[in-house]
N, C-alpha and C. Protein backbone atom coordinates (compact mmCIF):
# COMPACT_ATOMS: atom_id res chain seq x y z
N MET A 1 -6.09 37.19 -25.23
CA MET A 1 -5.05 37.56 -25.11
C MET A 1 -4.60 36.11 -24.29
N GLU A 2 -3.69 35.23 -25.20
CA GLU A 2 -3.29 33.89 -24.29
C GLU A 2 -2.16 34.27 -23.37
N LYS A 3 -2.06 33.21 -22.39
CA LYS A 3 -1.10 33.16 -21.36
C LYS A 3 -0.13 32.35 -21.62
N TYR A 4 1.38 32.77 -21.09
CA TYR A 4 2.34 31.59 -21.42
C TYR A 4 2.76 31.71 -20.05
N ILE A 5 3.13 30.44 -19.75
CA ILE A 5 3.99 30.30 -18.63
C ILE A 5 5.48 29.82 -18.87
N THR A 6 6.45 30.12 -17.48
CA THR A 6 7.98 29.72 -18.21
C THR A 6 8.46 28.48 -17.68
N VAL A 7 8.65 27.36 -18.33
CA VAL A 7 8.62 26.13 -17.73
C VAL A 7 10.21 25.96 -17.44
N GLU A 8 10.67 25.54 -16.47
CA GLU A 8 11.91 25.15 -16.22
C GLU A 8 12.39 23.61 -15.80
N GLU A 9 13.48 23.21 -15.93
CA GLU A 9 13.88 21.74 -15.37
C GLU A 9 14.51 22.19 -13.68
N VAL A 10 13.83 20.77 -13.42
CA VAL A 10 14.35 20.82 -11.73
C VAL A 10 14.51 19.46 -11.41
N ILE A 11 15.79 19.23 -10.71
CA ILE A 11 16.29 18.15 -10.49
C ILE A 11 15.74 17.79 -9.13
N VAL A 12 14.88 16.60 -8.96
CA VAL A 12 14.36 16.31 -7.70
C VAL A 12 14.58 15.01 -6.90
N ASP A 13 15.50 14.66 -5.76
CA ASP A 13 15.90 13.18 -5.98
C ASP A 13 16.29 12.40 -7.12
N GLY A 14 16.94 13.26 -8.05
CA GLY A 14 18.01 12.79 -9.31
C GLY A 14 16.99 12.46 -10.57
N ILE A 15 15.51 13.06 -10.12
CA ILE A 15 14.55 13.01 -11.30
C ILE A 15 14.50 14.37 -11.64
N ILE A 16 14.72 14.45 -13.15
CA ILE A 16 14.36 16.00 -13.95
C ILE A 16 12.88 16.01 -13.74
N VAL A 17 12.38 17.08 -13.36
CA VAL A 17 10.91 17.73 -13.36
C VAL A 17 10.99 18.82 -14.43
N LEU A 18 9.63 18.99 -15.03
CA LEU A 18 9.38 20.19 -15.71
C LEU A 18 8.32 20.71 -14.88
N CYS A 19 8.81 22.29 -14.60
CA CYS A 19 7.53 22.99 -13.74
C CYS A 19 7.55 24.19 -14.21
N ASP A 20 6.35 24.97 -13.65
CA ASP A 20 6.20 26.09 -13.77
C ASP A 20 7.52 27.12 -12.84
N SER A 21 7.73 28.33 -13.41
CA SER A 21 9.32 28.67 -12.66
C SER A 21 8.88 29.02 -11.71
N LYS A 22 7.80 29.60 -11.21
CA LYS A 22 7.53 30.05 -10.25
C LYS A 22 7.37 28.82 -8.73
N TYR A 23 7.51 27.69 -9.35
CA TYR A 23 7.47 26.46 -8.47
C TYR A 23 8.70 25.99 -8.18
N VAL A 24 10.00 26.60 -8.85
CA VAL A 24 11.16 25.98 -8.98
C VAL A 24 11.92 25.78 -7.51
N GLU A 25 11.79 27.08 -6.55
CA GLU A 25 12.52 27.00 -5.37
C GLU A 25 11.62 26.20 -4.28
N CYS A 26 10.51 25.97 -4.55
CA CYS A 26 9.56 25.41 -3.85
C CYS A 26 9.86 23.63 -3.88
N LEU A 27 10.20 23.41 -5.36
CA LEU A 27 10.50 21.94 -5.86
C LEU A 27 11.89 21.62 -5.67
N ARG A 28 12.89 22.11 -5.39
CA ARG A 28 14.13 21.92 -5.16
C ARG A 28 14.32 21.76 -3.57
N SER A 29 13.48 22.18 -2.54
CA SER A 29 13.32 21.39 -1.15
C SER A 29 12.51 20.14 -1.03
N GLN A 30 11.87 19.76 -2.09
CA GLN A 30 11.19 18.60 -1.95
C GLN A 30 11.76 17.22 -1.89
N LYS A 31 11.37 16.24 -1.59
CA LYS A 31 11.78 14.79 -1.70
C LYS A 31 10.52 14.20 -2.22
N PHE A 32 10.64 13.24 -3.32
CA PHE A 32 9.46 12.30 -3.85
C PHE A 32 9.42 11.04 -2.87
N LEU A 33 7.93 10.84 -2.54
CA LEU A 33 7.84 9.73 -1.69
C LEU A 33 7.61 8.64 -2.78
N THR A 34 8.58 7.79 -2.82
CA THR A 34 8.74 6.56 -3.61
C THR A 34 7.98 5.24 -2.89
N GLU A 35 7.66 4.41 -3.60
CA GLU A 35 6.86 3.07 -3.20
C GLU A 35 7.87 2.81 -1.84
N HIS A 36 9.40 2.77 -2.28
CA HIS A 36 10.46 2.40 -1.16
C HIS A 36 10.30 2.78 0.07
N ASN A 37 9.62 4.25 0.33
CA ASN A 37 9.70 5.04 1.49
C ASN A 37 8.35 4.49 2.23
N CYS A 38 7.51 3.78 1.77
CA CYS A 38 6.20 3.44 2.01
C CYS A 38 6.53 2.14 3.08
N TYR A 39 7.31 1.49 2.98
CA TYR A 39 7.47 0.30 3.48
C TYR A 39 7.89 0.81 5.28
N ARG A 40 6.92 -0.24 6.22
CA ARG A 40 7.82 -0.11 7.57
C ARG A 40 7.56 -1.56 7.89
N LYS A 41 8.19 -1.80 9.38
CA LYS A 41 8.55 -2.89 9.78
C LYS A 41 7.38 -3.07 10.54
N ILE A 42 6.96 -4.57 10.68
CA ILE A 42 5.81 -5.13 11.69
C ILE A 42 6.62 -5.42 12.53
N PRO A 43 6.44 -4.89 13.65
CA PRO A 43 7.30 -5.58 15.31
C PRO A 43 7.82 -6.40 15.49
N GLY A 44 8.77 -7.24 15.79
CA GLY A 44 8.92 -8.48 16.13
C GLY A 44 8.83 -9.65 15.18
N THR A 45 9.08 -9.09 13.71
CA THR A 45 8.88 -9.90 12.95
C THR A 45 9.84 -9.67 11.83
N CYS A 46 10.05 -10.31 10.93
CA CYS A 46 10.88 -9.83 9.71
C CYS A 46 10.02 -9.48 8.52
N TYR A 47 8.70 -9.10 8.85
CA TYR A 47 8.03 -8.83 7.94
C TYR A 47 7.80 -7.08 7.57
N GLU A 48 7.62 -6.65 6.46
CA GLU A 48 7.68 -5.20 6.08
C GLU A 48 5.99 -4.96 5.81
N TYR A 49 5.46 -3.98 5.92
CA TYR A 49 4.11 -3.93 5.46
C TYR A 49 3.75 -2.31 4.58
N ARG A 50 3.15 -2.43 3.96
CA ARG A 50 2.52 -1.21 3.06
C ARG A 50 0.83 -1.06 3.38
N ILE A 51 0.17 0.30 3.69
CA ILE A 51 -0.75 0.44 3.66
C ILE A 51 -1.27 0.86 2.34
N ASP A 52 -2.25 0.44 1.77
CA ASP A 52 -3.10 0.91 0.35
C ASP A 52 -4.14 1.51 0.86
N HIS A 53 -4.65 2.74 0.66
CA HIS A 53 -6.03 3.46 0.94
C HIS A 53 -7.29 2.91 0.17
N ALA A 54 -8.37 3.04 0.33
CA ALA A 54 -9.82 2.80 -0.20
C ALA A 54 -9.54 3.49 -1.71
N ASN A 55 -10.01 2.79 -2.75
CA ASN A 55 -9.97 3.34 -4.17
C ASN A 55 -11.29 3.22 -4.63
N THR A 56 -12.40 4.14 -4.92
CA THR A 56 -13.42 3.85 -5.30
C THR A 56 -13.54 3.62 -6.96
N ASN A 57 -12.40 3.77 -7.38
CA ASN A 57 -12.29 3.69 -9.06
C ASN A 57 -12.06 2.18 -9.31
N THR A 58 -11.35 1.61 -8.52
CA THR A 58 -10.89 0.31 -8.53
C THR A 58 -11.58 -0.74 -7.61
N LYS A 59 -12.90 0.15 -6.68
CA LYS A 59 -13.46 -0.83 -5.89
C LYS A 59 -12.67 -1.58 -4.78
N THR A 60 -11.67 -0.98 -4.37
CA THR A 60 -10.86 -1.59 -3.44
C THR A 60 -10.83 -0.68 -2.12
N GLN A 61 -11.30 -1.85 -0.99
CA GLN A 61 -10.90 -1.01 0.24
C GLN A 61 -9.96 -0.82 0.78
N LYS A 62 -9.55 0.09 2.23
CA LYS A 62 -8.18 0.06 2.61
C LYS A 62 -7.68 -1.05 2.73
N HIS A 63 -6.34 -1.53 2.66
CA HIS A 63 -5.87 -2.89 2.80
C HIS A 63 -4.48 -2.64 3.22
N ILE A 64 -3.59 -3.67 3.52
CA ILE A 64 -2.05 -3.78 4.08
C ILE A 64 -1.92 -4.98 2.87
N HIS A 65 -0.37 -4.55 2.39
CA HIS A 65 0.28 -5.68 1.97
C HIS A 65 1.42 -6.03 2.73
N VAL A 66 1.88 -7.49 2.94
CA VAL A 66 2.81 -7.74 3.50
C VAL A 66 3.93 -8.18 2.95
N TYR A 67 4.94 -7.92 3.37
CA TYR A 67 6.36 -8.52 2.38
C TYR A 67 7.64 -8.96 3.16
N ILE A 68 8.29 -9.98 2.39
CA ILE A 68 9.60 -10.41 3.43
C ILE A 68 10.11 -10.53 2.06
N ASN A 69 11.39 -9.95 2.23
CA ASN A 69 12.59 -9.82 1.32
C ASN A 69 12.13 -9.12 0.00
N GLY A 70 11.09 -8.27 0.44
CA GLY A 70 10.60 -7.27 -0.96
C GLY A 70 9.73 -8.28 -1.76
N ASN A 71 9.47 -9.75 -1.44
CA ASN A 71 8.30 -10.10 -1.99
C ASN A 71 7.11 -10.28 -1.13
N GLU A 72 6.06 -9.93 -1.98
CA GLU A 72 4.64 -9.88 -1.39
C GLU A 72 4.40 -11.33 -0.96
N ILE A 73 3.82 -11.84 0.46
CA ILE A 73 3.27 -12.69 0.90
C ILE A 73 1.63 -12.78 1.04
N TYR A 74 0.95 -11.69 1.32
CA TYR A 74 -0.09 -11.75 1.47
C TYR A 74 -0.46 -10.38 1.52
N ALA A 75 -2.04 -9.96 1.58
CA ALA A 75 -2.98 -8.73 1.47
C ALA A 75 -4.03 -9.05 2.40
N ILE A 76 -4.29 -8.26 3.19
CA ILE A 76 -5.26 -7.91 4.00
C ILE A 76 -6.13 -6.75 4.04
N ASN A 77 -7.66 -7.00 3.97
CA ASN A 77 -8.40 -5.81 3.84
C ASN A 77 -8.60 -5.35 5.64
N PHE A 78 -8.91 -4.11 5.72
CA PHE A 78 -9.07 -3.74 6.90
C PHE A 78 -10.23 -4.19 7.69
N ASP A 79 -11.26 -5.05 6.95
CA ASP A 79 -12.09 -5.48 7.39
C ASP A 79 -11.77 -6.72 7.95
N GLY A 80 -10.54 -7.55 7.73
CA GLY A 80 -10.18 -8.69 7.93
C GLY A 80 -10.24 -9.95 6.75
N THR A 81 -10.63 -9.47 5.77
CA THR A 81 -10.59 -10.34 4.57
C THR A 81 -9.57 -10.39 4.06
N PRO A 82 -9.54 -11.34 3.43
CA PRO A 82 -8.34 -11.18 2.23
C PRO A 82 -8.07 -10.31 1.16
N HIS A 83 -7.36 -10.04 0.64
CA HIS A 83 -7.12 -8.80 -0.46
C HIS A 83 -6.21 -9.66 -1.34
N ASP A 84 -6.65 -9.36 -2.71
CA ASP A 84 -5.74 -10.00 -3.67
C ASP A 84 -5.64 -11.57 -3.92
N GLY A 85 -6.27 -12.17 -2.96
CA GLY A 85 -6.65 -13.52 -3.42
C GLY A 85 -5.54 -14.69 -2.65
N ARG A 86 -4.55 -14.01 -1.76
CA ARG A 86 -3.80 -14.90 -1.35
C ARG A 86 -4.48 -15.43 0.21
N LYS A 87 -3.75 -17.19 0.58
CA LYS A 87 -4.17 -17.59 1.45
C LYS A 87 -2.96 -17.14 2.77
N ALA A 88 -3.47 -17.09 3.92
CA ALA A 88 -2.13 -16.78 4.85
C ALA A 88 -2.51 -17.25 6.20
N LYS A 89 -1.53 -17.40 7.06
CA LYS A 89 -2.00 -17.64 8.46
C LYS A 89 -0.75 -16.79 9.18
N LEU A 90 -1.58 -15.77 9.84
CA LEU A 90 -1.09 -14.60 10.68
C LEU A 90 -0.51 -14.99 12.14
N SER A 91 0.94 -14.91 12.54
CA SER A 91 1.19 -14.95 13.43
C SER A 91 0.29 -14.07 14.68
N LYS A 92 0.72 -14.34 15.87
CA LYS A 92 0.25 -13.87 17.11
C LYS A 92 0.55 -12.40 16.92
N ARG A 93 1.97 -12.15 16.84
CA ARG A 93 2.59 -10.71 16.65
C ARG A 93 1.90 -10.15 15.51
N GLU A 94 1.46 -10.40 14.36
CA GLU A 94 1.02 -9.92 13.20
C GLU A 94 -0.29 -9.44 13.56
N CYS A 95 -1.07 -10.49 14.05
CA CYS A 95 -2.53 -9.91 14.53
C CYS A 95 -2.65 -9.08 15.32
N LYS A 96 -1.78 -8.92 16.44
CA LYS A 96 -1.35 -8.19 17.72
C LYS A 96 -1.71 -6.73 17.09
N PHE A 97 -0.36 -6.61 16.09
CA PHE A 97 -0.12 -5.34 15.59
C PHE A 97 -1.37 -4.76 14.71
N PHE A 98 -1.66 -5.73 13.65
CA PHE A 98 -2.77 -5.40 12.88
C PHE A 98 -4.10 -4.87 13.59
N LYS A 99 -4.18 -5.46 14.58
CA LYS A 99 -5.43 -4.86 15.51
C LYS A 99 -5.15 -3.47 15.98
N SER A 100 -3.88 -3.19 16.51
CA SER A 100 -3.56 -2.00 17.15
C SER A 100 -3.51 -0.64 16.39
N ILE A 101 -3.46 -1.18 14.74
CA ILE A 101 -3.93 -0.14 13.77
C ILE A 101 -5.09 0.04 13.27
N GLY A 102 -6.01 -0.69 14.05
CA GLY A 102 -7.33 -0.77 13.33
C GLY A 102 -7.94 -1.87 12.59
N CYS A 103 -7.10 -2.97 12.24
CA CYS A 103 -7.46 -3.99 11.27
C CYS A 103 -8.19 -4.90 12.10
N ASP A 104 -9.61 -5.11 11.37
CA ASP A 104 -10.08 -6.12 12.02
C ASP A 104 -9.88 -7.84 11.81
N VAL A 105 -8.71 -8.35 12.56
CA VAL A 105 -8.12 -9.31 11.74
C VAL A 105 -8.79 -10.64 12.60
N PRO A 106 -9.11 -11.49 11.78
CA PRO A 106 -9.76 -12.95 12.14
C PRO A 106 -8.98 -13.38 13.31
N ASN A 107 -9.85 -13.94 14.38
CA ASN A 107 -9.45 -14.35 15.78
C ASN A 107 -8.54 -15.35 15.36
N ASP A 108 -8.71 -16.25 14.39
CA ASP A 108 -7.45 -17.58 14.21
C ASP A 108 -6.60 -17.15 13.23
N GLY A 109 -6.47 -15.64 12.61
CA GLY A 109 -5.36 -15.34 11.98
C GLY A 109 -5.26 -15.97 10.78
N ILE A 110 -6.44 -16.81 10.40
CA ILE A 110 -6.57 -17.73 8.88
C ILE A 110 -7.41 -16.69 8.04
N LEU A 111 -6.77 -16.31 6.81
CA LEU A 111 -7.19 -15.77 5.81
C LEU A 111 -7.57 -16.67 4.63
N GLU A 112 -8.63 -16.91 4.34
CA GLU A 112 -8.88 -18.26 3.07
C GLU A 112 -9.68 -17.43 2.01
N TRP A 113 -9.36 -17.93 0.85
CA TRP A 113 -9.70 -17.73 -0.60
C TRP A 113 -9.90 -18.49 -1.33
N TYR A 114 -11.17 -18.87 -1.76
CA TYR A 114 -11.56 -20.13 -2.43
C TYR A 114 -12.01 -19.29 -4.03
N SER A 115 -11.63 -19.97 -5.22
CA SER A 115 -12.34 -19.46 -6.38
C SER A 115 -12.66 -21.00 -7.29
N PHE A 116 -13.88 -20.42 -7.41
CA PHE A 116 -14.82 -21.42 -8.38
C PHE A 116 -14.77 -21.10 -9.64
N GLY A 117 -13.97 -20.31 -10.42
CA GLY A 117 -13.87 -20.35 -11.64
C GLY A 117 -14.99 -19.08 -12.17
N ASP A 118 -15.02 -18.63 -13.60
CA ASP A 118 -15.71 -17.62 -14.19
C ASP A 118 -16.48 -16.71 -13.02
N GLN A 119 -15.32 -16.18 -12.70
CA GLN A 119 -15.40 -14.87 -11.67
C GLN A 119 -16.44 -15.36 -10.37
N ARG A 120 -16.77 -16.47 -10.27
CA ARG A 120 -17.37 -16.64 -8.91
C ARG A 120 -16.29 -17.19 -8.03
N GLU A 121 -16.42 -16.28 -6.67
CA GLU A 121 -15.70 -16.46 -5.64
C GLU A 121 -16.29 -16.28 -4.69
N LEU A 122 -15.73 -17.14 -3.51
CA LEU A 122 -16.22 -17.32 -2.32
C LEU A 122 -15.15 -16.88 -1.28
N LEU A 123 -15.44 -15.88 -0.30
CA LEU A 123 -14.54 -15.66 0.82
C LEU A 123 -14.98 -16.27 1.87
N CYS A 124 -13.98 -17.00 2.57
CA CYS A 124 -14.34 -17.74 3.96
C CYS A 124 -13.79 -17.39 4.95
N ASP A 125 -14.58 -17.33 6.38
CA ASP A 125 -14.11 -16.80 7.62
C ASP A 125 -13.28 -17.58 8.06
């Protein structure tokens, strides 16, 4: 004997979602967490940041993306190495803040990345 579910349309944050009818009331009270909701201010700066968790599928470690006016300027892994291949010089305020949330920032605040082509890359401290 096959089981069928009743599907209903629910609007959540202006987005139409199809769901099992038994979840309709629950969904109506929810809000989607969009990427926009993930950005936070770095205290004392004009920068915003977003934390991405480690992902074993993409072989990335926990890291922070930093933005100004919606444009990414750099990303740093929690172990203090550069993420995504951008160079940066972090201010004292950035360094202090990142250390306060558990990021091992280089003492000089410099993120360096050198590429030698053919997938051979060297990270420098």
